[in-house]
PDB file of all heavy atoms in Angstrom:
ATOM      1  N   TRP A   1     116.389 106.276 118.913  1.00  0.00           N
ATOM      2  CA  TRP A   1     115.921 107.598 118.446  1.00  0.00           C
ATOM      3  C   TRP A   1     114.500 107.423 117.950  1.00  0.00           C
ATOM      4  O   TRP A   1     114.195 106.586 117.089  1.00  0.00           O
ATOM      5  CB  TRP A   1     116.755 108.162 117.321  1.00  0.00           C
ATOM      6  CG  TRP A   1     118.150 108.705 117.744  1.00  0.00           C
ATOM      7  CD1 TRP A   1     118.475 109.977 118.038  1.00  0.00           C
ATOM      8  CD2 TRP A   1     119.293 107.906 117.969  1.00  0.00           C
ATOM      9  NE1 TRP A   1     119.805 110.047 118.356  1.00  0.00           N
ATOM     10  CE2 TRP A   1     120.356 108.777 118.339  1.00  0.00           C
ATOM     11  CE3 TRP A   1     119.642 106.528 117.823  1.00  0.00           C
ATOM     12  CZ2 TRP A   1     121.580 108.378 118.589  1.00  0.00           C
ATOM     13  CZ3 TRP A   1     120.927 106.096 118.092  1.00  0.00           C
ATOM     14  CH2 TRP A   1     121.928 107.031 118.468  1.00  0.00           C
ATOM     15  N   VAL A   2     113.580 108.247 118.541  1.00  0.00           N
ATOM     16  CA  VAL A   2     112.214 108.285 118.007  1.00  0.00           C
ATOM     17  C   VAL A   2     112.203 108.868 116.631  1.00  0.00           C
ATOM     18  O   VAL A   2     111.481 108.394 115.723  1.00  0.00           O
ATOM     19  CB  VAL A   2     111.291 109.033 118.982  1.00  0.00           C
ATOM     20  CG1 VAL A   2     109.881 109.178 118.380  1.00  0.00           C
ATOM     21  CG2 VAL A   2     111.330 108.458 120.396  1.00  0.00           C
ATOM     22  N   ASP A   3     112.910 109.976 116.440  1.00  0.00           N
ATOM     23  CA  ASP A   3     112.887 110.724 115.196  1.00  0.00           C
ATOM     24  C   ASP A   3     114.302 111.266 114.883  1.00  0.00           C
ATOM     25  O   ASP A   3     114.541 112.439 115.125  1.00  0.00           O
ATOM     26  CB  ASP A   3     111.851 111.878 115.267  1.00  0.00           C
ATOM     27  CG  ASP A   3     111.939 112.663 116.568  1.00  0.00           C
ATOM     28  OD1 ASP A   3     112.870 112.437 117.325  1.00  0.00           O
ATOM     29  OD2 ASP A   3     111.095 113.473 116.798  1.00  0.00           O
ATOM     30  N   ALA A   4     115.174 110.386 114.467  1.00  0.00           N
ATOM     31  CA  ALA A   4     116.548 110.739 114.344  1.00  0.00           C
ATOM     32  C   ALA A   4     116.767 111.766 113.271  1.00  0.00           C
ATOM     33  O   ALA A   4     116.320 111.572 112.122  1.00  0.00           O
ATOM     34  CB  ALA A   4     117.368 109.492 114.020  1.00  0.00           C
ATOM     35  N   PRO A   5     117.521 112.889 113.534  1.00  0.00           N
ATOM     36  CA  PRO A   5     117.748 113.886 112.489  1.00  0.00           C
ATOM     37  C   PRO A   5     118.653 113.325 111.383  1.00  0.00           C
ATOM     38  O   PRO A   5     118.558 113.862 110.294  1.00  0.00           O
ATOM     39  CB  PRO A   5     118.459 114.973 113.315  1.00  0.00           C
ATOM     40  CG  PRO A   5     118.979 114.370 114.503  1.00  0.00           C
ATOM     41  CD  PRO A   5     118.019 113.282 114.828  1.00  0.00           C
ATOM     42  N   PHE A   6     119.423 112.306 111.671  1.00  0.00           N
ATOM     43  CA  PHE A   6     120.262 111.742 110.635  1.00  0.00           C
ATOM     44  C   PHE A   6     119.604 110.645 109.834  1.00  0.00           C
ATOM     45  O   PHE A   6     120.196 110.003 108.990  1.00  0.00           O
ATOM     46  CB  PHE A   6     121.549 111.179 111.268  1.00  0.00           C
ATOM     47  CG  PHE A   6     121.286 110.253 112.458  1.00  0.00           C
ATOM     48  CD1 PHE A   6     120.973 108.903 112.258  1.00  0.00           C
ATOM     49  CD2 PHE A   6     121.320 110.727 113.761  1.00  0.00           C
ATOM     50  CE1 PHE A   6     120.746 108.109 113.375  1.00  0.00           C
ATOM     51  CE2 PHE A   6     121.170 109.892 114.862  1.00  0.00           C
ATOM     52  CZ  PHE A   6     120.812 108.547 114.642  1.00  0.00           C
ATOM     53  N   ASN A   7     118.297 110.390 110.160  1.00  0.00           N
ATOM     54  CA  ASN A   7     117.520 109.395 109.350  1.00  0.00           C
ATOM     55  C   ASN A   7     116.169 109.966 108.914  1.00  0.00           C
ATOM     56  O   ASN A   7     115.164 109.325 108.957  1.00  0.00           O
ATOM     57  CB  ASN A   7     117.275 108.159 110.229  1.00  0.00           C
ATOM     58  CG  ASN A   7     116.717 106.978 109.427  1.00  0.00           C
ATOM     59  OD1 ASN A   7     117.079 106.763 108.233  1.00  0.00           O
ATOM     60  ND2 ASN A   7     115.805 106.182 110.016  1.00  0.00           N
ATOM     61  N   GLU A   8     116.249 111.253 108.499  1.00  0.00           N
ATOM     62  CA  GLU A   8     115.058 111.932 107.988  1.00  0.00           C
ATOM     63  C   GLU A   8     113.894 111.941 108.935  1.00  0.00           C
ATOM     64  O   GLU A   8     112.723 111.790 108.539  1.00  0.00           O
ATOM     65  CB  GLU A   8     114.623 111.367 106.617  1.00  0.00           C
ATOM     66  CG  GLU A   8     115.781 111.452 105.569  1.00  0.00           C
ATOM     67  CD  GLU A   8     115.398 110.925 104.225  1.00  0.00           C
ATOM     68  OE1 GLU A   8     114.435 110.059 104.190  1.00  0.00           O
ATOM     69  OE2 GLU A   8     115.996 111.271 103.195  1.00  0.00           O
ATOM     70  N   GLY A   9     114.216 112.035 110.219  1.00  0.00           N
ATOM     71  CA  GLY A   9     113.144 112.103 111.243  1.00  0.00           C
ATOM     72  C   GLY A   9     112.447 110.795 111.571  1.00  0.00           C
ATOM     73  O   GLY A   9     111.387 110.779 112.180  1.00  0.00           O
ATOM     74  N   ARG A  10     113.113 109.681 111.178  1.00  0.00           N
ATOM     75  CA  ARG A  10     112.511 108.375 111.510  1.00  0.00           C
ATOM     76  C   ARG A  10     113.318 107.670 112.622  1.00  0.00           C
ATOM     77  O   ARG A  10     114.418 108.103 112.956  1.00  0.00           O
ATOM     78  CB  ARG A  10     112.451 107.533 110.225  1.00  0.00           C
ATOM     79  CG  ARG A  10     111.437 108.027 109.251  1.00  0.00           C
ATOM     80  CD  ARG A  10     111.289 107.107 108.035  1.00  0.00           C
ATOM     81  NE  ARG A  10     112.504 107.192 107.232  1.00  0.00           N
ATOM     82  CZ  ARG A  10     112.646 108.017 106.228  1.00  0.00           C
ATOM     83  NH1 ARG A  10     111.719 108.857 105.853  1.00  0.00           N
ATOM     84  NH2 ARG A  10     113.742 108.031 105.528  1.00  0.00           N
ATOM     85  N   GLY A  11     112.794 106.530 113.008  1.00  0.00           N
ATOM     86  CA  GLY A  11     113.389 105.773 114.154  1.00  0.00           C
ATOM     87  C   GLY A  11     114.722 105.142 113.830  1.00  0.00           C
ATOM     88  O   GLY A  11     114.942 104.740 112.719  1.00  0.00           O
ATOM     89  N   VAL A  12     115.531 104.954 114.906  1.00  0.00           N
ATOM     90  CA  VAL A  12     116.812 104.243 114.762  1.00  0.00           C
ATOM     91  C   VAL A  12     117.066 103.478 116.076  1.00  0.00           C
ATOM     92  O   VAL A  12     116.785 103.989 117.166  1.00  0.00           O
ATOM     93  CB  VAL A  12     118.027 105.123 114.456  1.00  0.00           C
ATOM     94  CG1 VAL A  12     119.289 104.419 114.499  1.00  0.00           C
ATOM     95  CG2 VAL A  12     117.799 105.807 113.155  1.00  0.00           C
ATOM     96  N   TRP A  13     117.550 102.238 116.003  1.00  0.00           N
ATOM     97  CA  TRP A  13     117.980 101.411 117.125  1.00  0.00           C
ATOM     98  C   TRP A  13     119.481 101.103 117.029  1.00  0.00           C
ATOM     99  O   TRP A  13     119.928 100.879 115.894  1.00  0.00           O
ATOM    100  CB  TRP A  13     117.260 100.101 117.165  1.00  0.00           C
ATOM    101  CG  TRP A  13     115.933 100.162 117.968  1.00  0.00           C
ATOM    102  CD1 TRP A  13     115.741  99.739 119.264  1.00  0.00           C
ATOM    103  CD2 TRP A  13     114.743 100.737 117.523  1.00  0.00           C
ATOM    104  NE1 TRP A  13     114.500  99.987 119.635  1.00  0.00           N
ATOM    105  CE2 TRP A  13     113.789 100.601 118.623  1.00  0.00           C
ATOM    106  CE3 TRP A  13     114.270 101.302 116.362  1.00  0.00           C
ATOM    107  CZ2 TRP A  13     112.538 100.981 118.488  1.00  0.00           C
ATOM    108  CZ3 TRP A  13     113.011 101.719 116.249  1.00  0.00           C
ATOM    109  CH2 TRP A  13     112.128 101.557 117.297  1.00  0.00           C
ATOM    110  N   GLN A  14     120.169 101.087 118.148  1.00  0.00           N
ATOM    111  CA  GLN A  14     121.587 100.823 118.090  1.00  0.00           C
ATOM    112  C   GLN A  14     121.968  99.917 119.276  1.00  0.00           C
ATOM    113  O   GLN A  14     121.770 100.304 120.420  1.00  0.00           O
ATOM    114  CB  GLN A  14     122.328 102.167 118.231  1.00  0.00           C
ATOM    115  CG  GLN A  14     123.826 102.129 118.301  1.00  0.00           C
ATOM    116  CD  GLN A  14     124.399 103.519 118.377  1.00  0.00           C
ATOM    117  OE1 GLN A  14     124.270 104.342 117.468  1.00  0.00           O
ATOM    118  NE2 GLN A  14     125.091 103.838 119.515  1.00  0.00           N
ATOM    119  N   HIS A  15     122.446  98.722 118.930  1.00  0.00           N
ATOM    120  CA  HIS A  15     122.821  97.709 119.900  1.00  0.00           C
ATOM    121  C   HIS A  15     124.191  97.092 119.528  1.00  0.00           C
ATOM    122  O   HIS A  15     124.501  96.854 118.400  1.00  0.00           O
ATOM    123  CB  HIS A  15     121.859  96.519 119.874  1.00  0.00           C
ATOM    124  CG  HIS A  15     120.540  96.776 120.600  1.00  0.00           C
ATOM    125  ND1 HIS A  15     120.450  96.548 121.977  1.00  0.00           N
ATOM    126  CD2 HIS A  15     119.334  97.052 120.182  1.00  0.00           C
ATOM    127  CE1 HIS A  15     119.173  96.780 122.277  1.00  0.00           C
ATOM    128  NE2 HIS A  15     118.488  97.066 121.254  1.00  0.00           N
ATOM    129  N   LEU A  16     124.969  96.833 120.610  1.00  0.00           N
ATOM    130  CA  LEU A  16     126.202  96.057 120.432  1.00  0.00           C
ATOM    131  C   LEU A  16     125.891  94.562 120.618  1.00  0.00           C
ATOM    132  O   LEU A  16     125.165  94.207 121.587  1.00  0.00           O
ATOM    133  CB  LEU A  16     127.296  96.514 121.397  1.00  0.00           C
ATOM    134  CG  LEU A  16     128.587  95.747 121.356  1.00  0.00           C
ATOM    135  CD1 LEU A  16     129.270  95.854 119.981  1.00  0.00           C
ATOM    136  CD2 LEU A  16     129.552  96.273 122.456  1.00  0.00           C
ATOM    137  N   MET A  17     126.484  93.727 119.790  1.00  0.00           N
ATOM    138  CA  MET A  17     126.340  92.257 119.907  1.00  0.00           C
ATOM    139  C   MET A  17     127.720  91.620 120.115  1.00  0.00           C
ATOM    140  O   MET A  17     128.676  92.350 120.341  1.00  0.00           O
ATOM    141  CB  MET A  17     125.628  91.708 118.653  1.00  0.00           C
ATOM    142  CG  MET A  17     124.341  92.346 118.281  1.00  0.00           C
ATOM    143  SD  MET A  17     123.635  91.693 116.801  1.00  0.00           S
ATOM    144  CE  MET A  17     124.765  92.170 115.557  1.00  0.00           C
ATOM    145  N   ALA A  18     127.756  90.324 119.973  1.00  0.00           N
ATOM    146  CA  ALA A  18     129.051  89.637 120.097  1.00  0.00           C
ATOM    147  C   ALA A  18     130.007  89.971 118.945  1.00  0.00           C
ATOM    148  O   ALA A  18     129.567  90.439 117.908  1.00  0.00           O
ATOM    149  CB  ALA A  18     128.824  88.137 120.158  1.00  0.00           C
ATOM    150  N   ASP A  19     131.302  89.697 119.181  1.00  0.00           N
ATOM    151  CA  ASP A  19     132.329  89.841 118.141  1.00  0.00           C
ATOM    152  C   ASP A  19     132.528  91.268 117.662  1.00  0.00           C
ATOM    153  O   ASP A  19     132.980  91.512 116.555  1.00  0.00           O
ATOM    154  CB  ASP A  19     131.977  88.940 116.926  1.00  0.00           C
ATOM    155  CG  ASP A  19     131.803  87.437 117.298  1.00  0.00           C
ATOM    156  OD1 ASP A  19     132.525  87.009 118.194  1.00  0.00           O
ATOM    157  OD2 ASP A  19     130.897  86.815 116.708  1.00  0.00           O
ATOM    158  N   GLY A  20     132.118  92.223 118.554  1.00  0.00           N
ATOM    159  CA  GLY A  20     132.317  93.648 118.183  1.00  0.00           C
ATOM    160  C   GLY A  20     131.375  94.080 117.054  1.00  0.00           C
ATOM    161  O   GLY A  20     131.673  95.094 116.339  1.00  0.00           O
ATOM    162  N   VAL A  21     130.292  93.374 116.801  1.00  0.00           N
ATOM    163  CA  VAL A  21     129.310  93.728 115.723  1.00  0.00           C
ATOM    164  C   VAL A  21     128.161  94.500 116.313  1.00  0.00           C
ATOM    165  O   VAL A  21     127.540  94.111 117.284  1.00  0.00           O
ATOM    166  CB  VAL A  21     128.795  92.446 115.049  1.00  0.00           C
ATOM    167  CG1 VAL A  21     127.807  92.805 113.928  1.00  0.00           C
ATOM    168  CG2 VAL A  21     129.959  91.645 114.460  1.00  0.00           C
ATOM    169  N   TRP A  22     127.905  95.671 115.673  1.00  0.00           N
ATOM    170  CA  TRP A  22     126.759  96.507 116.039  1.00  0.00           C
ATOM    171  C   TRP A  22     125.612  96.219 115.154  1.00  0.00           C
ATOM    172  O   TRP A  22     125.749  95.999 113.988  1.00  0.00           O
ATOM    173  CB  TRP A  22     127.157  97.970 115.926  1.00  0.00           C
ATOM    174  CG  TRP A  22     128.098  98.444 117.044  1.00  0.00           C
ATOM    175  CD1 TRP A  22     129.419  98.309 117.047  1.00  0.00           C
ATOM    176  CD2 TRP A  22     127.729  98.996 118.278  1.00  0.00           C
ATOM    177  NE1 TRP A  22     129.910  98.800 118.259  1.00  0.00           N
ATOM    178  CE2 TRP A  22     128.890  99.191 119.013  1.00  0.00           C
ATOM    179  CE3 TRP A  22     126.488  99.364 118.843  1.00  0.00           C
ATOM    180  CZ2 TRP A  22     128.887  99.792 120.269  1.00  0.00           C
ATOM    181  CZ3 TRP A  22     126.478  99.905 120.103  1.00  0.00           C
ATOM    182  CH2 TRP A  22     127.652 100.155 120.818  1.00  0.00           C
ATOM    183  N   ARG A  23     124.423  96.182 115.750  1.00  0.00           N
ATOM    184  CA  ARG A  23     123.191  96.020 115.080  1.00  0.00           C
ATOM    185  C   ARG A  23     122.506  97.417 115.091  1.00  0.00           C
ATOM    186  O   ARG A  23     122.170  97.912 116.132  1.00  0.00           O
ATOM    187  CB  ARG A  23     122.355  94.984 115.741  1.00  0.00           C
ATOM    188  CG  ARG A  23     120.846  95.026 115.460  1.00  0.00           C
ATOM    189  CD  ARG A  23     120.482  94.426 114.115  1.00  0.00           C
ATOM    190  NE  ARG A  23     118.999  94.312 114.034  1.00  0.00           N
ATOM    191  CZ  ARG A  23     118.356  93.258 114.337  1.00  0.00           C
ATOM    192  NH1 ARG A  23     118.932  92.130 114.741  1.00  0.00           N
ATOM    193  NH2 ARG A  23     117.019  93.221 114.202  1.00  0.00           N
ATOM    194  N   ILE A  24     122.351  98.035 113.916  1.00  0.00           N
ATOM    195  CA  ILE A  24     121.655  99.283 113.837  1.00  0.00           C
ATOM    196  C   ILE A  24     120.483  99.123 112.872  1.00  0.00           C
ATOM    197  O   ILE A  24     120.616  98.723 111.712  1.00  0.00           O
ATOM    198  CB  ILE A  24     122.618 100.406 113.320  1.00  0.00           C
ATOM    199  CG1 ILE A  24     123.897 100.473 114.199  1.00  0.00           C
ATOM    200  CG2 ILE A  24     121.936 101.759 113.328  1.00  0.00           C
ATOM    201  CD1 ILE A  24     124.901 101.528 113.838  1.00  0.00           C
ATOM    202  N   ASP A  25     119.283  99.403 113.408  1.00  0.00           N
ATOM    203  CA  ASP A  25     118.071  99.336 112.651  1.00  0.00           C
ATOM    204  C   ASP A  25     117.592 100.719 112.266  1.00  0.00           C
ATOM    205  O   ASP A  25     117.384 101.579 113.149  1.00  0.00           O
ATOM    206  CB  ASP A  25     116.963  98.644 113.469  1.00  0.00           C
ATOM    207  CG  ASP A  25     117.292  97.209 113.760  1.00  0.00           C
ATOM    208  OD1 ASP A  25     118.387  96.865 114.205  1.00  0.00           O
ATOM    209  OD2 ASP A  25     116.359  96.374 113.677  1.00  0.00           O
ATOM    210  N   TYR A  26     117.373 100.935 111.026  1.00  0.00           N
ATOM    211  CA  TYR A  26     116.911 102.233 110.509  1.00  0.00           C
ATOM    212  C   TYR A  26     115.483 102.099 109.959  1.00  0.00           C
ATOM    213  O   TYR A  26     115.227 101.250 109.073  1.00  0.00           O
ATOM    214  CB  TYR A  26     117.827 102.745 109.357  1.00  0.00           C
ATOM    215  CG  TYR A  26     119.229 103.041 109.753  1.00  0.00           C
ATOM    216  CD1 TYR A  26     120.220 102.093 109.646  1.00  0.00           C
ATOM    217  CD2 TYR A  26     119.596 104.351 110.256  1.00  0.00           C
ATOM    218  CE1 TYR A  26     121.568 102.376 109.948  1.00  0.00           C
ATOM    219  CE2 TYR A  26     120.954 104.590 110.538  1.00  0.00           C
ATOM    220  CZ  TYR A  26     121.897 103.599 110.461  1.00  0.00           C
ATOM    221  OH  TYR A  26     123.171 103.868 110.792  1.00  0.00           O
ATOM    222  N   GLN A  27     114.567 102.905 110.472  1.00  0.00           N
ATOM    223  CA  GLN A  27     113.237 102.951 109.899  1.00  0.00           C
ATOM    224  C   GLN A  27     113.292 103.617 108.574  1.00  0.00           C
ATOM    225  O   GLN A  27     113.957 104.686 108.357  1.00  0.00           O
ATOM    226  CB  GLN A  27     112.330 103.669 110.853  1.00  0.00           C
ATOM    227  CG  GLN A  27     110.848 103.585 110.509  1.00  0.00           C
ATOM    228  CD  GLN A  27     109.964 104.357 111.557  1.00  0.00           C
ATOM    229  OE1 GLN A  27     110.425 105.368 112.095  1.00  0.00           O
ATOM    230  NE2 GLN A  27     108.743 103.861 111.768  1.00  0.00           N
ATOM    231  N   MET A  28     112.558 103.042 107.580  1.00  0.00           N
ATOM    232  CA  MET A  28     112.611 103.557 106.189  1.00  0.00           C
ATOM    233  C   MET A  28     111.186 104.015 105.764  1.00  0.00           C
ATOM    234  O   MET A  28     110.210 103.731 106.455  1.00  0.00           O
ATOM    235  CB  MET A  28     113.023 102.387 105.252  1.00  0.00           C
ATOM    236  CG  MET A  28     114.463 101.891 105.485  1.00  0.00           C
ATOM    237  SD  MET A  28     115.723 102.958 104.782  1.00  0.00           S
ATOM    238  CE  MET A  28     116.299 103.811 106.229  1.00  0.00           C
ATOM    239  N   PRO A  29     111.133 104.728 104.697  1.00  0.00           N
ATOM    240  CA  PRO A  29     109.848 105.134 104.132  1.00  0.00           C
ATOM    241  C   PRO A  29     109.043 103.870 103.792  1.00  0.00           C
ATOM    242  O   PRO A  29     109.555 102.839 103.348  1.00  0.00           O
ATOM    243  CB  PRO A  29     110.198 105.949 102.923  1.00  0.00           C
ATOM    244  CG  PRO A  29     111.597 106.387 103.046  1.00  0.00           C
ATOM    245  CD  PRO A  29     112.235 105.301 103.841  1.00  0.00           C
ATOM    246  N   GLU A  30     107.748 103.952 103.988  1.00  0.00           N
ATOM    247  CA  GLU A  30     106.912 102.807 103.727  1.00  0.00           C
ATOM    248  C   GLU A  30     106.967 102.362 102.284  1.00  0.00           C
ATOM    249  O   GLU A  30     106.764 101.171 101.990  1.00  0.00           O
ATOM    250  CB  GLU A  30     105.429 103.078 104.128  1.00  0.00           C
ATOM    251  CG  GLU A  30     105.306 103.241 105.671  1.00  0.00           C
ATOM    252  CD  GLU A  30     103.849 103.437 106.071  1.00  0.00           C
ATOM    253  OE1 GLU A  30     102.967 103.533 105.145  1.00  0.00           O
ATOM    254  OE2 GLU A  30     103.557 103.479 107.242  1.00  0.00           O
ATOM    255  N   ASP A  31     107.126 103.300 101.368  1.00  0.00           N
ATOM    256  CA  ASP A  31     107.171 102.937  99.942  1.00  0.00           C
ATOM    257  C   ASP A  31     108.602 102.752  99.374  1.00  0.00           C
ATOM    258  O   ASP A  31     108.800 102.868  98.196  1.00  0.00           O
ATOM    259  CB  ASP A  31     106.422 103.976  99.121  1.00  0.00           C
ATOM    260  CG  ASP A  31     107.089 105.373  99.319  1.00  0.00           C
ATOM    261  OD1 ASP A  31     107.988 105.528 100.150  1.00  0.00           O
ATOM    262  OD2 ASP A  31     106.691 106.303  98.579  1.00  0.00           O
ATOM    263  N   CYS A  32     109.516 102.457 100.283  1.00  0.00           N
ATOM    264  CA  CYS A  32     110.905 102.349  99.797  1.00  0.00           C
ATOM    265  C   CYS A  32     111.174 101.133  98.926  1.00  0.00           C
ATOM    266  O   CYS A  32     110.446 100.157  98.961  1.00  0.00           O
ATOM    267  CB  CYS A  32     111.866 102.297 101.036  1.00  0.00           C
ATOM    268  SG  CYS A  32     111.683 100.798 102.027  1.00  0.00           S
ATOM    269  N   ASP A  33     112.202 101.254  98.150  1.00  0.00           N
ATOM    270  CA  ASP A  33     112.688 100.159  97.294  1.00  0.00           C
ATOM    271  C   ASP A  33     113.639  99.317  98.196  1.00  0.00           C
ATOM    272  O   ASP A  33     114.736  99.796  98.523  1.00  0.00           O
ATOM    273  CB  ASP A  33     113.431 100.756  96.065  1.00  0.00           C
ATOM    274  CG  ASP A  33     113.940  99.641  95.161  1.00  0.00           C
ATOM    275  OD1 ASP A  33     114.223  98.513  95.637  1.00  0.00           O
ATOM    276  OD2 ASP A  33     114.186  99.898  93.981  1.00  0.00           O
ATOM    277  N   THR A  34     113.227  98.154  98.614  1.00  0.00           N
ATOM    278  CA  THR A  34     114.005  97.361  99.574  1.00  0.00           C
ATOM    279  C   THR A  34     115.344  96.984  99.059  1.00  0.00           C
ATOM    280  O   THR A  34     116.317  96.871  99.838  1.00  0.00           O
ATOM    281  CB  THR A  34     113.228  96.129 100.029  1.00  0.00           C
ATOM    282  OG1 THR A  34     112.853  95.372  98.879  1.00  0.00           O
ATOM    283  CG2 THR A  34     111.954  96.508 100.754  1.00  0.00           C
ATOM    284  N   ALA A  35     115.453  96.748  97.746  1.00  0.00           N
ATOM    285  CA  ALA A  35     116.792  96.426  97.210  1.00  0.00           C
ATOM    286  C   ALA A  35     117.686  97.628  97.257  1.00  0.00           C
ATOM    287  O   ALA A  35     118.880  97.527  97.583  1.00  0.00           O
ATOM    288  CB  ALA A  35     116.609  95.952  95.746  1.00  0.00           C
ATOM    289  N   ALA A  36     117.163  98.835  96.963  1.00  0.00           N
ATOM    290  CA  ALA A  36     117.938 100.019  96.914  1.00  0.00           C
ATOM    291  C   ALA A  36     118.464 100.399  98.314  1.00  0.00           C
ATOM    292  O   ALA A  36     119.640 100.740  98.485  1.00  0.00           O
ATOM    293  CB  ALA A  36     117.177 101.220  96.305  1.00  0.00           C
ATOM    294  N   ILE A  37     117.616 100.331  99.341  1.00  0.00           N
ATOM    295  CA  ILE A  37     118.021 100.774 100.655  1.00  0.00           C
ATOM    296  C   ILE A  37     119.070  99.790 101.280  1.00  0.00           C
ATOM    297  O   ILE A  37     119.750 100.127 102.254  1.00  0.00           O
ATOM    298  CB  ILE A  37     116.846 100.854 101.641  1.00  0.00           C
ATOM    299  CG1 ILE A  37     116.141  99.525 101.839  1.00  0.00           C
ATOM    300  CG2 ILE A  37     115.820 101.912 101.182  1.00  0.00           C
ATOM    301  CD1 ILE A  37     115.086  99.557 102.945  1.00  0.00           C
ATOM    302  N   SER A  38     119.193  98.565 100.724  1.00  0.00           N
ATOM    303  CA  SER A  38     120.115  97.597 101.273  1.00  0.00           C
ATOM    304  C   SER A  38     121.463  97.590 100.533  1.00  0.00           C
ATOM    305  O   SER A  38     122.343  96.787 100.916  1.00  0.00           O
ATOM    306  CB  SER A  38     119.472  96.202 101.126  1.00  0.00           C
ATOM    307  OG  SER A  38     118.215  96.110 101.743  1.00  0.00           O
ATOM    308  N   ARG A  39     121.632  98.413  99.528  1.00  0.00           N
ATOM    309  CA  ARG A  39     122.906  98.478  98.839  1.00  0.00           C
ATOM    310  C   ARG A  39     124.001  99.012  99.811  1.00  0.00           C
ATOM    311  O   ARG A  39     123.739  99.944 100.579  1.00  0.00           O
ATOM    312  CB  ARG A  39     122.820  99.342  97.556  1.00  0.00           C
ATOM    313  CG  ARG A  39     122.002  98.692  96.471  1.00  0.00           C
ATOM    314  CD  ARG A  39     122.383  99.291  95.117  1.00  0.00           C
ATOM    315  NE  ARG A  39     122.292 100.705  95.078  1.00  0.00           N
ATOM    316  CZ  ARG A  39     121.200 101.402  94.653  1.00  0.00           C
ATOM    317  NH1 ARG A  39     120.166 100.739  94.183  1.00  0.00           N
ATOM    318  NH2 ARG A  39     121.208 102.696  94.694  1.00  0.00           N
ATOM    319  N   PRO A  40     125.178  98.478  99.750  1.00  0.00           N
ATOM    320  CA  PRO A  40     126.235  98.921 100.684  1.00  0.00           C
ATOM    321  C   PRO A  40     126.516 100.386 100.640  1.00  0.00           C
ATOM    322  O   PRO A  40     126.707 101.018 101.676  1.00  0.00           O
ATOM    323  CB  PRO A  40     127.456  98.118 100.240  1.00  0.00           C
ATOM    324  CG  PRO A  40     126.903  96.864  99.617  1.00  0.00           C
ATOM    325  CD  PRO A  40     125.640  97.306  98.942  1.00  0.00           C
ATOM    326  N   GLU A  41     126.510 100.983  99.476  1.00  0.00           N
ATOM    327  CA  GLU A  41     126.796 102.417  99.371  1.00  0.00           C
ATOM    328  C   GLU A  41     125.712 103.260 100.019  1.00  0.00           C
ATOM    329  O   GLU A  41     125.957 104.302 100.641  1.00  0.00           O
ATOM    330  CB  GLU A  41     127.015 102.841  97.928  1.00  0.00           C
ATOM    331  CG  GLU A  41     125.879 102.683  97.001  1.00  0.00           C
ATOM    332  CD  GLU A  41     125.822 101.357  96.283  1.00  0.00           C
ATOM    333  OE1 GLU A  41     126.477 100.382  96.842  1.00  0.00           O
ATOM    334  OE2 GLU A  41     125.141 101.239  95.277  1.00  0.00           O
ATOM    335  N   VAL A  42     124.448 102.760  99.949  1.00  0.00           N
ATOM    336  CA  VAL A  42     123.359 103.467 100.588  1.00  0.00           C
ATOM    337  C   VAL A  42     123.428 103.291 102.080  1.00  0.00           C
ATOM    338  O   VAL A  42     123.229 104.275 102.858  1.00  0.00           O
ATOM    339  CB  VAL A  42     121.976 103.008 100.029  1.00  0.00           C
ATOM    340  CG1 VAL A  42     120.810 103.673 100.711  1.00  0.00           C
ATOM    341  CG2 VAL A  42     121.907 103.271  98.540  1.00  0.00           C
TER     342      VAL A  42
END
């Protein structure tokens, strides 16, 4: 997604890997708190 509506208009990548594990990359705001965006609930 160039501008995913479910990611506040930012990019998203979605790939399947081995063992049934998906790799999903979400583009974040440039000034984001990296610890906060990585919390499981977020």
